[in-house]
C-alpha cells in the first residue's frame, strides 16, 4: 500500500466562514482531536486581522496550547509581513502565503493587486527560509474567480513561474470557489510541471458543484504531493460569494484508503471529530460518509 499526505485545513479554512466562532479552547480541542486521528499536517491558525475575520481570532493563544509531542506539523496562514512575523513568533512549523489570481478578488481578499501579492509572497518565502520554516505559496482562485469569471490556465501557470523563483518548499493550486473540473486539473498540472517541475504541487478543492472529489483524485493520479481537506467538509471564503465547503477529510480518506493508499488517518476517529465539531457549530455535518457509513459496514 502506497502512502500519501492529506493536509487537514479544517481549523483554518473550515472555520473561517462559519457564523459561530469557536473559543480558543474549542479550537485547541479540535486540532488535538485531528492529530489524535492521525493528521500530521494541520493548517491550525490564520494570522490575519481578526476584525476582518473574527473566526480566526486568538491564533497565538491556540498555538501556545497545541500538543508539540504528537509528530504533527502546524501550518499558519499569512498574507503579509506582519502576519509572517506573528507566525514565526508563535512557533509555527510551516507558513502558507496566499496569492490570489485576479486583481479584483485579491483587492477584496487582501487589499493588494496580484503583482503586489506576488511580491509579498516572494519576500515571505525568503524570510521563512532564513528562519528555517517550511513555506507554501497557495495560488487562490486558480480555477475561476467569483468576480472576474474564467481564469486562464496560462495566467495561473505564469504566477506559478513567478513564485517558483523564490524557491518555496511547496506550491498549492486552490479551487477557492469550487468551479473546477478534472480537465482544468490536468491543464494546470501540465503547466506547473513545465515551469516549476522541481517544486512539489499541493491541491486545494471545494465541492461546491460536486466536482471536488473528481478533481482531487485526478490530481492524485497526476502525482500530487498532497491534498487539502477539511474535517466534516466545512469551509468557504468570507470574501467570495457562495464559496461553500472544502472536500471532506473523511470522504477523501475513504476514497484513498479504498484505493489502497495509506493516509495514516483513522477514519472512525475523523468521523467522530466531524460530529463533535457539528455539535459545537450547531449544524449538521456536510460530509456524506458520516451519514452513509464506511464500507464494508458491520456484519
C-alpha atoms as a PDB file:
ATOM      1  CA  UNK A   1       0.000   0.000   0.000  1.00  0.00           C
ATOM      2  CA  UNK A   2       1.417   3.390  -1.000  1.00  0.00           C
ATOM      3  CA  UNK A   3       1.425   6.377   1.377  1.00  0.00           C
ATOM      4  CA  UNK A   4       0.048   9.859   0.810  1.00  0.00           C
ATOM      5  CA  UNK A   5      -0.261  13.143   2.724  1.00  0.00           C
ATOM      6  CA  UNK A   6      -3.636  14.708   3.434  1.00  0.00           C
ATOM      7  CA  UNK A   7      -3.329  18.263   4.784  1.00  0.00           C
ATOM      8  CA  UNK A   8      -6.090  18.988   7.288  1.00  0.00           C
ATOM      9  CA  UNK A   9      -7.333  22.564   6.823  1.00  0.00           C
ATOM     10  CA  UNK A  10     -10.491  22.386   8.935  1.00  0.00           C
ATOM     11  CA  UNK A  11      -9.239  24.519  11.830  1.00  0.00           C
ATOM     12  CA  UNK A  12      -8.490  27.362   9.416  1.00  0.00           C
ATOM     13  CA  UNK A  13     -10.413  27.159   6.137  1.00  0.00           C
ATOM     14  CA  UNK A  14     -13.112  25.053   7.738  1.00  0.00           C
ATOM     15  CA  UNK A  15     -13.906  27.605  10.433  1.00  0.00           C
ATOM     16  CA  UNK A  16     -13.243  30.964   8.781  1.00  0.00           C
ATOM     17  CA  UNK A  17     -16.637  31.198   7.105  1.00  0.00           C
ATOM     18  CA  UNK A  18     -18.781  29.800   9.933  1.00  0.00           C
ATOM     19  CA  UNK A  19     -21.277  32.047  11.696  1.00  0.00           C
ATOM     20  CA  UNK A  20     -20.438  30.576  15.088  1.00  0.00           C
ATOM     21  CA  UNK A  21     -16.847  31.336  16.156  1.00  0.00           C
ATOM     22  CA  UNK A  22     -15.166  28.699  18.296  1.00  0.00           C
ATOM     23  CA  UNK A  23     -13.398  29.623  21.517  1.00  0.00           C
ATOM     24  CA  UNK A  24      -9.647  29.186  21.787  1.00  0.00           C
ATOM     25  CA  UNK A  25     -10.183  26.115  23.974  1.00  0.00           C
ATOM     26  CA  UNK A  26     -12.519  24.555  21.412  1.00  0.00           C
ATOM     27  CA  UNK A  27     -10.061  25.265  18.595  1.00  0.00           C
ATOM     28  CA  UNK A  28      -7.303  23.565  20.582  1.00  0.00           C
ATOM     29  CA  UNK A  29      -9.612  20.615  21.272  1.00  0.00           C
ATOM     30  CA  UNK A  30     -10.469  20.350  17.568  1.00  0.00           C
ATOM     31  CA  UNK A  31      -6.843  20.330  16.488  1.00  0.00           C
ATOM     32  CA  UNK A  32      -5.887  17.872  19.212  1.00  0.00           C
ATOM     33  CA  UNK A  33      -8.671  15.533  18.074  1.00  0.00           C
ATOM     34  CA  UNK A  34      -7.467  15.782  14.466  1.00  0.00           C
ATOM     35  CA  UNK A  35      -3.892  14.997  15.433  1.00  0.00           C
ATOM     36  CA  UNK A  36      -5.068  12.069  17.546  1.00  0.00           C
ATOM     37  CA  UNK A  37      -6.981  10.828  14.493  1.00  0.00           C
ATOM     38  CA  UNK A  38      -3.711  10.781  12.554  1.00  0.00           C
ATOM     39  CA  UNK A  39      -3.493  14.162  10.826  1.00  0.00           C
ATOM     40  CA  UNK A  40       0.185  15.052  10.504  1.00  0.00           C
ATOM     41  CA  UNK A  41      -0.008  18.378   8.660  1.00  0.00           C
ATOM     42  CA  UNK A  42      -2.651  20.695  10.079  1.00  0.00           C
ATOM     43  CA  UNK A  43      -3.441  24.239   8.957  1.00  0.00           C
ATOM     44  CA  UNK A  44      -4.116  25.318  12.500  1.00  0.00           C
ATOM     45  CA  UNK A  45      -4.391  29.103  12.509  1.00  0.00           C
ATOM     46  CA  UNK A  46      -4.516  32.207  10.360  1.00  0.00           C
ATOM     47  CA  UNK A  47      -2.520  35.336  11.195  1.00  0.00           C
ATOM     48  CA  UNK A  48      -4.946  37.786   9.642  1.00  0.00           C
ATOM     49  CA  UNK A  49      -6.667  40.817  11.084  1.00  0.00           C
ATOM     50  CA  UNK A  50      -9.343  39.455  13.465  1.00  0.00           C
ATOM     51  CA  UNK A  51     -11.509  42.486  12.731  1.00  0.00           C
ATOM     52  CA  UNK A  52     -11.854  41.232   9.153  1.00  0.00           C
ATOM     53  CA  UNK A  53     -12.078  37.525  10.005  1.00  0.00           C
ATOM     54  CA  UNK A  54     -13.217  37.250  13.646  1.00  0.00           C
ATOM     55  CA  UNK A  55     -13.402  33.463  13.416  1.00  0.00           C
ATOM     56  CA  UNK A  56      -9.586  33.425  13.250  1.00  0.00           C
ATOM     57  CA  UNK A  57      -9.006  35.453  16.423  1.00  0.00           C
ATOM     58  CA  UNK A  58      -6.699  34.028  19.066  1.00  0.00           C
ATOM     59  CA  UNK A  59      -4.092  32.493  16.771  1.00  0.00           C
ATOM     60  CA  UNK A  60      -1.226  32.983  19.209  1.00  0.00           C
ATOM     61  CA  UNK A  61      -3.222  31.558  22.104  1.00  0.00           C
ATOM     62  CA  UNK A  62      -4.127  28.486  20.048  1.00  0.00           C
ATOM     63  CA  UNK A  63      -0.518  27.867  19.037  1.00  0.00           C
ATOM     64  CA  UNK A  64       0.631  28.200  22.634  1.00  0.00           C
ATOM     65  CA  UNK A  65      -1.658  25.360  23.775  1.00  0.00           C
ATOM     66  CA  UNK A  66      -1.203  22.826  20.965  1.00  0.00           C
ATOM     67  CA  UNK A  67       0.433  19.462  21.700  1.00  0.00           C
ATOM     68  CA  UNK A  68       4.009  19.525  20.433  1.00  0.00           C
ATOM     69  CA  UNK A  69       4.949  15.899  21.070  1.00  0.00           C
ATOM     70  CA  UNK A  70       2.495  14.235  18.690  1.00  0.00           C
ATOM     71  CA  UNK A  71       4.514  14.418  15.475  1.00  0.00           C
ATOM     72  CA  UNK A  72       2.255  16.995  13.827  1.00  0.00           C
ATOM     73  CA  UNK A  73       3.368  19.948  11.725  1.00  0.00           C
ATOM     74  CA  UNK A  74       1.294  23.071  12.364  1.00  0.00           C
ATOM     75  CA  UNK A  75       0.711  25.498   9.499  1.00  0.00           C
ATOM     76  CA  UNK A  76      -0.102  29.183   9.867  1.00  0.00           C
ATOM     77  CA  UNK A  77      -1.680  31.123   7.010  1.00  0.00           C
ATOM     78  CA  UNK A  78      -0.149  34.547   6.382  1.00  0.00           C
ATOM     79  CA  UNK A  79      -0.927  37.307   3.895  1.00  0.00           C
ATOM     80  CA  UNK A  80       1.817  39.839   4.576  1.00  0.00           C
ATOM     81  CA  UNK A  81       4.997  40.535   6.521  1.00  0.00           C
ATOM     82  CA  UNK A  82       3.151  41.386   9.716  1.00  0.00           C
ATOM     83  CA  UNK A  83       1.372  38.038   9.532  1.00  0.00           C
ATOM     84  CA  UNK A  84       4.694  36.278   8.982  1.00  0.00           C
ATOM     85  CA  UNK A  85       6.253  37.987  11.995  1.00  0.00           C
ATOM     86  CA  UNK A  86       3.330  36.882  14.160  1.00  0.00           C
ATOM     87  CA  UNK A  87       3.524  33.334  12.789  1.00  0.00           C
ATOM     88  CA  UNK A  88       7.241  32.987  13.446  1.00  0.00           C
ATOM     89  CA  UNK A  89       6.888  34.413  16.947  1.00  0.00           C
ATOM     90  CA  UNK A  90       4.078  31.928  17.642  1.00  0.00           C
ATOM     91  CA  UNK A  91       6.282  28.999  16.636  1.00  0.00           C
ATOM     92  CA  UNK A  92       4.547  27.608  13.569  1.00  0.00           C
ATOM     93  CA  UNK A  93       6.219  24.719  11.743  1.00  0.00           C
ATOM     94  CA  UNK A  94       5.092  25.944   8.325  1.00  0.00           C
ATOM     95  CA  UNK A  95       3.732  29.098   6.727  1.00  0.00           C
ATOM     96  CA  UNK A  96       1.236  29.208   3.877  1.00  0.00           C
ATOM     97  CA  UNK A  97       1.157  32.506   1.985  1.00  0.00           C
ATOM     98  CA  UNK A  98      -1.709  33.202  -0.411  1.00  0.00           C
ATOM     99  CA  UNK A  99      -1.528  34.883  -3.814  1.00  0.00           C
ATOM    100  CA  UNK A 100      -4.912  35.451  -5.461  1.00  0.00           C
ATOM    101  CA  UNK A 101      -5.009  35.030  -9.237  1.00  0.00           C
ATOM    102  CA  UNK A 102      -7.149  38.080 -10.127  1.00  0.00           C
ATOM    103  CA  UNK A 103      -6.827  41.730  -9.169  1.00  0.00           C
ATOM    104  CA  UNK A 104     -10.454  42.193  -8.126  1.00  0.00           C
ATOM    105  CA  UNK A 105     -10.527  39.188  -5.807  1.00  0.00           C
ATOM    106  CA  UNK A 106      -7.032  39.952  -4.493  1.00  0.00           C
ATOM    107  CA  UNK A 107      -8.056  43.513  -3.651  1.00  0.00           C
ATOM    108  CA  UNK A 108     -11.175  42.349  -1.803  1.00  0.00           C
ATOM    109  CA  UNK A 109      -9.399  39.494  -0.026  1.00  0.00           C
ATOM    110  CA  UNK A 110      -6.008  41.016   0.747  1.00  0.00           C
ATOM    111  CA  UNK A 111      -6.111  44.690  -0.211  1.00  0.00           C
ATOM    112  CA  UNK A 112      -3.486  44.377  -2.936  1.00  0.00           C
ATOM    113  CA  UNK A 113      -3.085  43.644  -6.640  1.00  0.00           C
ATOM    114  CA  UNK A 114      -1.858  40.310  -7.962  1.00  0.00           C
ATOM    115  CA  UNK A 115       1.574  41.799  -8.657  1.00  0.00           C
ATOM    116  CA  UNK A 116       1.764  43.171  -5.119  1.00  0.00           C
ATOM    117  CA  UNK A 117       0.662  39.810  -3.734  1.00  0.00           C
ATOM    118  CA  UNK A 118       3.382  38.009  -5.684  1.00  0.00           C
ATOM    119  CA  UNK A 119       5.996  40.472  -4.430  1.00  0.00           C
ATOM    120  CA  UNK A 120       4.871  39.943  -0.831  1.00  0.00           C
ATOM    121  CA  UNK A 121       4.924  36.166  -1.279  1.00  0.00           C
ATOM    122  CA  UNK A 122       8.476  36.227  -2.617  1.00  0.00           C
ATOM    123  CA  UNK A 123       9.640  38.174   0.429  1.00  0.00           C
ATOM    124  CA  UNK A 124       7.768  35.888   2.834  1.00  0.00           C
ATOM    125  CA  UNK A 125       9.262  32.755   1.289  1.00  0.00           C
ATOM    126  CA  UNK A 126      12.759  34.171   1.620  1.00  0.00           C
ATOM    127  CA  UNK A 127      12.201  35.229   5.235  1.00  0.00           C
ATOM    128  CA  UNK A 128      10.650  31.877   6.136  1.00  0.00           C
ATOM    129  CA  UNK A 129      13.643  30.073   4.665  1.00  0.00           C
ATOM    130  CA  UNK A 130      16.012  32.263   6.671  1.00  0.00           C
ATOM    131  CA  UNK A 131      14.047  31.290   9.802  1.00  0.00           C
ATOM    132  CA  UNK A 132      14.197  27.603   8.910  1.00  0.00           C
ATOM    133  CA  UNK A 133      10.433  27.341   8.394  1.00  0.00           C
ATOM    134  CA  UNK A 134       8.785  25.332   5.599  1.00  0.00           C
ATOM    135  CA  UNK A 135       6.889  27.549   3.134  1.00  0.00           C
ATOM    136  CA  UNK A 136       3.954  27.018   0.800  1.00  0.00           C
ATOM    137  CA  UNK A 137       2.621  29.517  -1.722  1.00  0.00           C
ATOM    138  CA  UNK A 138      -1.061  28.936  -2.468  1.00  0.00           C
ATOM    139  CA  UNK A 139      -2.498  30.451  -5.643  1.00  0.00           C
ATOM    140  CA  UNK A 140      -6.144  31.087  -4.834  1.00  0.00           C
ATOM    141  CA  UNK A 141      -8.917  31.136  -7.454  1.00  0.00           C
ATOM    142  CA  UNK A 142      -6.761  29.086  -9.806  1.00  0.00           C
ATOM    143  CA  UNK A 143      -9.849  27.596 -11.462  1.00  0.00           C
ATOM    144  CA  UNK A 144     -12.137  30.640 -11.593  1.00  0.00           C
ATOM    145  CA  UNK A 145     -12.889  33.928  -9.864  1.00  0.00           C
ATOM    146  CA  UNK A 146     -16.213  34.921  -8.273  1.00  0.00           C
ATOM    147  CA  UNK A 147     -15.826  38.454  -9.646  1.00  0.00           C
ATOM    148  CA  UNK A 148     -13.803  38.218 -12.876  1.00  0.00           C
ATOM    149  CA  UNK A 149     -15.093  34.863 -14.097  1.00  0.00           C
ATOM    150  CA  UNK A 150     -12.855  32.458 -16.000  1.00  0.00           C
ATOM    151  CA  UNK A 151      -9.164  32.343 -15.111  1.00  0.00           C
ATOM    152  CA  UNK A 152      -6.940  31.075 -17.924  1.00  0.00           C
ATOM    153  CA  UNK A 153      -4.607  28.222 -17.090  1.00  0.00           C
ATOM    154  CA  UNK A 154      -1.734  30.085 -18.756  1.00  0.00           C
ATOM    155  CA  UNK A 155      -2.277  33.011 -16.382  1.00  0.00           C
ATOM    156  CA  UNK A 156      -2.096  30.740 -13.337  1.00  0.00           C
ATOM    157  CA  UNK A 157       0.962  28.972 -14.712  1.00  0.00           C
ATOM    158  CA  UNK A 158       2.686  32.333 -15.137  1.00  0.00           C
ATOM    159  CA  UNK A 159       2.031  33.085 -11.452  1.00  0.00           C
ATOM    160  CA  UNK A 160       3.478  29.656 -10.610  1.00  0.00           C
ATOM    161  CA  UNK A 161       6.579  30.580 -12.615  1.00  0.00           C
ATOM    162  CA  UNK A 162       6.986  33.865 -10.762  1.00  0.00           C
ATOM    163  CA  UNK A 163       6.557  32.482  -7.244  1.00  0.00           C
ATOM    164  CA  UNK A 164       8.761  29.482  -8.029  1.00  0.00           C
ATOM    165  CA  UNK A 165      11.661  31.901  -8.478  1.00  0.00           C
ATOM    166  CA  UNK A 166      11.750  32.349  -4.697  1.00  0.00           C
ATOM    167  CA  UNK A 167      12.106  28.605  -4.164  1.00  0.00           C
ATOM    168  CA  UNK A 168       9.171  27.801  -1.863  1.00  0.00           C
ATOM    169  CA  UNK A 169       9.083  24.295  -0.439  1.00  0.00           C
ATOM    170  CA  UNK A 170       5.667  23.732  -1.995  1.00  0.00           C
ATOM    171  CA  UNK A 171       3.155  25.383  -4.322  1.00  0.00           C
ATOM    172  CA  UNK A 172      -0.578  24.809  -3.904  1.00  0.00           C
ATOM    173  CA  UNK A 173      -3.271  25.422  -6.509  1.00  0.00           C
ATOM    174  CA  UNK A 174      -6.655  26.236  -4.989  1.00  0.00           C
ATOM    175  CA  UNK A 175     -10.151  26.000  -6.413  1.00  0.00           C
ATOM    176  CA  UNK A 176     -11.383  28.562  -3.905  1.00  0.00           C
ATOM    177  CA  UNK A 177     -14.987  28.681  -5.110  1.00  0.00           C
ATOM    178  CA  UNK A 178     -15.433  25.104  -6.341  1.00  0.00           C
ATOM    179  CA  UNK A 179     -15.831  25.663 -10.081  1.00  0.00           C
ATOM    180  CA  UNK A 180     -13.015  23.431 -11.341  1.00  0.00           C
ATOM    181  CA  UNK A 181     -13.238  20.221 -13.348  1.00  0.00           C
ATOM    182  CA  UNK A 182     -10.679  17.462 -13.995  1.00  0.00           C
ATOM    183  CA  UNK A 183      -9.721  18.877 -17.401  1.00  0.00           C
ATOM    184  CA  UNK A 184      -8.522  22.034 -15.648  1.00  0.00           C
ATOM    185  CA  UNK A 185      -6.570  19.974 -13.126  1.00  0.00           C
ATOM    186  CA  UNK A 186      -4.760  18.248 -15.989  1.00  0.00           C
ATOM    187  CA  UNK A 187      -4.018  21.533 -17.750  1.00  0.00           C
ATOM    188  CA  UNK A 188      -2.698  23.211 -14.597  1.00  0.00           C
ATOM    189  CA  UNK A 189      -0.636  20.193 -13.594  1.00  0.00           C
ATOM    190  CA  UNK A 190       0.985  20.082 -17.024  1.00  0.00           C
ATOM    191  CA  UNK A 191       1.692  23.814 -16.955  1.00  0.00           C
ATOM    192  CA  UNK A 192       3.130  23.762 -13.446  1.00  0.00           C
ATOM    193  CA  UNK A 193       5.371  20.867 -14.437  1.00  0.00           C
ATOM    194  CA  UNK A 194       6.761  22.914 -17.320  1.00  0.00           C
ATOM    195  CA  UNK A 195       7.740  25.924 -15.218  1.00  0.00           C
ATOM    196  CA  UNK A 196       8.353  24.509 -11.728  1.00  0.00           C
ATOM    197  CA  UNK A 197       8.915  20.773 -12.004  1.00  0.00           C
ATOM    198  CA  UNK A 198      11.271  20.770  -9.023  1.00  0.00           C
ATOM    199  CA  UNK A 199       8.653  22.103  -6.563  1.00  0.00           C
ATOM    200  CA  UNK A 200       6.070  19.709  -5.028  1.00  0.00           C
ATOM    201  CA  UNK A 201       2.497  20.535  -6.030  1.00  0.00           C
ATOM    202  CA  UNK A 202      -0.321  20.506  -3.496  1.00  0.00           C
ATOM    203  CA  UNK A 203      -4.002  20.961  -4.355  1.00  0.00           C
ATOM    204  CA  UNK A 204      -6.980  22.530  -2.568  1.00  0.00           C
ATOM    205  CA  UNK A 205     -10.538  21.781  -3.712  1.00  0.00           C
ATOM    206  CA  UNK A 206     -14.046  22.804  -2.711  1.00  0.00           C
ATOM    207  CA  UNK A 207     -17.039  20.637  -3.538  1.00  0.00           C
ATOM    208  CA  UNK A 208     -19.454  23.459  -4.344  1.00  0.00           C
ATOM    209  CA  UNK A 209     -20.569  21.861  -7.620  1.00  0.00           C
ATOM    210  CA  UNK A 210     -19.879  18.211  -6.754  1.00  0.00           C
ATOM    211  CA  UNK A 211     -16.610  18.099  -8.717  1.00  0.00           C
ATOM    212  CA  UNK A 212     -14.231  18.372  -5.761  1.00  0.00           C
ATOM    213  CA  UNK A 213     -13.535  14.671  -5.289  1.00  0.00           C
ATOM    214  CA  UNK A 214     -13.149  14.006  -9.001  1.00  0.00           C
ATOM    215  CA  UNK A 215     -10.644  16.869  -9.100  1.00  0.00           C
ATOM    216  CA  UNK A 216      -8.779  15.545  -6.057  1.00  0.00           C
ATOM    217  CA  UNK A 217      -8.461  12.027  -7.422  1.00  0.00           C
ATOM    218  CA  UNK A 218      -7.367  13.400 -10.791  1.00  0.00           C
ATOM    219  CA  UNK A 219      -4.663  15.434  -9.052  1.00  0.00           C
ATOM    220  CA  UNK A 220      -3.606  12.348  -7.105  1.00  0.00           C
ATOM    221  CA  UNK A 221      -3.295  10.320 -10.302  1.00  0.00           C
ATOM    222  CA  UNK A 222      -1.166  13.112 -11.792  1.00  0.00           C
ATOM    223  CA  UNK A 223       1.349  12.898  -8.935  1.00  0.00           C
ATOM    224  CA  UNK A 224       0.077  15.410  -6.365  1.00  0.00           C
ATOM    225  CA  UNK A 225       2.400  15.813  -3.402  1.00  0.00           C
ATOM    226  CA  UNK A 226      -0.523  16.471  -1.042  1.00  0.00           C
ATOM    227  CA  UNK A 227      -4.241  17.211  -0.997  1.00  0.00           C
ATOM    228  CA  UNK A 228      -6.081  19.586   1.330  1.00  0.00           C
ATOM    229  CA  UNK A 229      -9.328  18.620   3.016  1.00  0.00           C
ATOM    230  CA  UNK A 230     -11.454  19.792   5.923  1.00  0.00           C
ATOM    231  CA  UNK A 231     -12.994  17.653   8.637  1.00  0.00           C
ATOM    232  CA  UNK A 232     -16.728  17.374   8.046  1.00  0.00           C
ATOM    233  CA  UNK A 233     -16.490  19.245   4.748  1.00  0.00           C
ATOM    234  CA  UNK A 234     -16.774  22.626   6.456  1.00  0.00           C
ATOM    235  CA  UNK A 235     -15.308  25.760   4.945  1.00  0.00           C
ATOM    236  CA  UNK A 236     -15.510  28.605   2.492  1.00  0.00           C
ATOM    237  CA  UNK A 237     -14.086  32.046   1.890  1.00  0.00           C
ATOM    238  CA  UNK A 238     -15.734  35.022   3.634  1.00  0.00           C
ATOM    239  CA  UNK A 239     -14.757  37.283   0.725  1.00  0.00           C
ATOM    240  CA  UNK A 240     -16.138  35.062  -2.069  1.00  0.00           C
ATOM    241  CA  UNK A 241     -19.903  34.822  -2.587  1.00  0.00           C
ATOM    242  CA  UNK A 242     -21.352  31.279  -2.382  1.00  0.00           C
ATOM    243  CA  UNK A 243     -17.985  29.695  -1.616  1.00  0.00           C
ATOM    244  CA  UNK A 244     -19.133  26.570   0.199  1.00  0.00           C
ATOM    245  CA  UNK A 245     -17.247  23.823   1.955  1.00  0.00           C
ATOM    246  CA  UNK A 246     -13.989  22.062   1.253  1.00  0.00           C
ATOM    247  CA  UNK A 247     -13.862  18.441   0.257  1.00  0.00           C
ATOM    248  CA  UNK A 248     -14.338  16.495   3.497  1.00  0.00           C
ATOM    249  CA  UNK A 249     -11.394  14.765   5.111  1.00  0.00           C
ATOM    250  CA  UNK A 250     -13.351  11.624   5.924  1.00  0.00           C
ATOM    251  CA  UNK A 251     -14.721  11.317   2.367  1.00  0.00           C
ATOM    252  CA  UNK A 252     -11.279  11.882   0.821  1.00  0.00           C
ATOM    253  CA  UNK A 253      -9.601   9.442   3.219  1.00  0.00           C
ATOM    254  CA  UNK A 254     -12.263   6.843   2.419  1.00  0.00           C
ATOM    255  CA  UNK A 255     -11.630   7.196  -1.328  1.00  0.00           C
ATOM    256  CA  UNK A 256      -7.852   6.974  -0.929  1.00  0.00           C
ATOM    257  CA  UNK A 257      -7.845   4.091   1.539  1.00  0.00           C
ATOM    258  CA  UNK A 258     -10.284   2.102  -0.631  1.00  0.00           C
ATOM    259  CA  UNK A 259      -7.782   2.684  -3.449  1.00  0.00           C
ATOM    260  CA  UNK A 260      -5.054   1.080  -1.303  1.00  0.00           C
ATOM    261  CA  UNK A 261      -3.422   4.404  -0.469  1.00  0.00           C
ATOM    262  CA  UNK A 262      -2.468   4.834   3.174  1.00  0.00           C
ATOM    263  CA  UNK A 263      -3.112   8.262   4.718  1.00  0.00           C
ATOM    264  CA  UNK A 264      -2.319   7.324   8.316  1.00  0.00           C
ATOM    265  CA  UNK A 265      -5.705   8.737   9.356  1.00  0.00           C
ATOM    266  CA  UNK A 266      -8.188   6.810  11.483  1.00  0.00           C
ATOM    267  CA  UNK A 267     -11.428   7.117   9.554  1.00  0.00           C
ATOM    268  CA  UNK A 268     -13.719   6.388  12.504  1.00  0.00           C
ATOM    269  CA  UNK A 269     -11.924   8.975  14.660  1.00  0.00           C
ATOM    270  CA  UNK A 270     -12.240  11.558  11.877  1.00  0.00           C
ATOM    271  CA  UNK A 271     -15.984  10.925  11.582  1.00  0.00           C
ATOM    272  CA  UNK A 272     -16.335  11.292  15.355  1.00  0.00           C
ATOM    273  CA  UNK A 273     -14.408  14.575  15.226  1.00  0.00           C
ATOM    274  CA  UNK A 274     -16.708  15.873  12.493  1.00  0.00           C
ATOM    275  CA  UNK A 275     -19.727  15.040  14.645  1.00  0.00           C
ATOM    276  CA  UNK A 276     -18.148  16.762  17.654  1.00  0.00           C
ATOM    277  CA  UNK A 277     -17.481  19.874  15.542  1.00  0.00           C
ATOM    278  CA  UNK A 278     -21.048  19.852  14.211  1.00  0.00           C
ATOM    279  CA  UNK A 279     -22.279  19.979  17.789  1.00  0.00           C
ATOM    280  CA  UNK A 280     -20.077  22.963  18.553  1.00  0.00           C
ATOM    281  CA  UNK A 281     -21.251  24.788  15.417  1.00  0.00           C
ATOM    282  CA  UNK A 282     -24.899  23.831  15.893  1.00  0.00           C
ATOM    283  CA  UNK A 283     -25.404  22.309  12.464  1.00  0.00           C
ATOM    284  CA  UNK A 284     -25.342  19.050  10.538  1.00  0.00           C
ATOM    285  CA  UNK A 285     -22.135  17.572   9.124  1.00  0.00           C
ATOM    286  CA  UNK A 286     -21.863  18.396   5.398  1.00  0.00           C
ATOM    287  CA  UNK A 287     -19.753  15.301   4.615  1.00  0.00           C
ATOM    288  CA  UNK A 288     -21.522  12.217   3.255  1.00  0.00           C
ATOM    289  CA  UNK A 289     -19.547   9.458   4.949  1.00  0.00           C
ATOM    290  CA  UNK A 290     -20.885  10.204   8.401  1.00  0.00           C
ATOM    291  CA  UNK A 291     -24.411   9.575   7.096  1.00  0.00           C
ATOM    292  CA  UNK A 292     -23.737   6.651   4.738  1.00  0.00           C
ATOM    293  CA  UNK A 293     -21.122   4.936   6.892  1.00  0.00           C
ATOM    294  CA  UNK A 294     -17.947   3.206   5.757  1.00  0.00           C
ATOM    295  CA  UNK A 295     -17.947   0.112   3.540  1.00  0.00           C
ATOM    296  CA  UNK A 296     -17.949  -2.691   4.404  1.00  0.00           C
ATOM    297  CA  UNK A 297     -20.079  -1.927   7.434  1.00  0.00           C
ATOM    298  CA  UNK A 298     -20.862  -4.138  10.431  1.00  0.00           C
ATOM    299  CA  UNK A 299     -21.501  -7.777   9.585  1.00  0.00           C
END
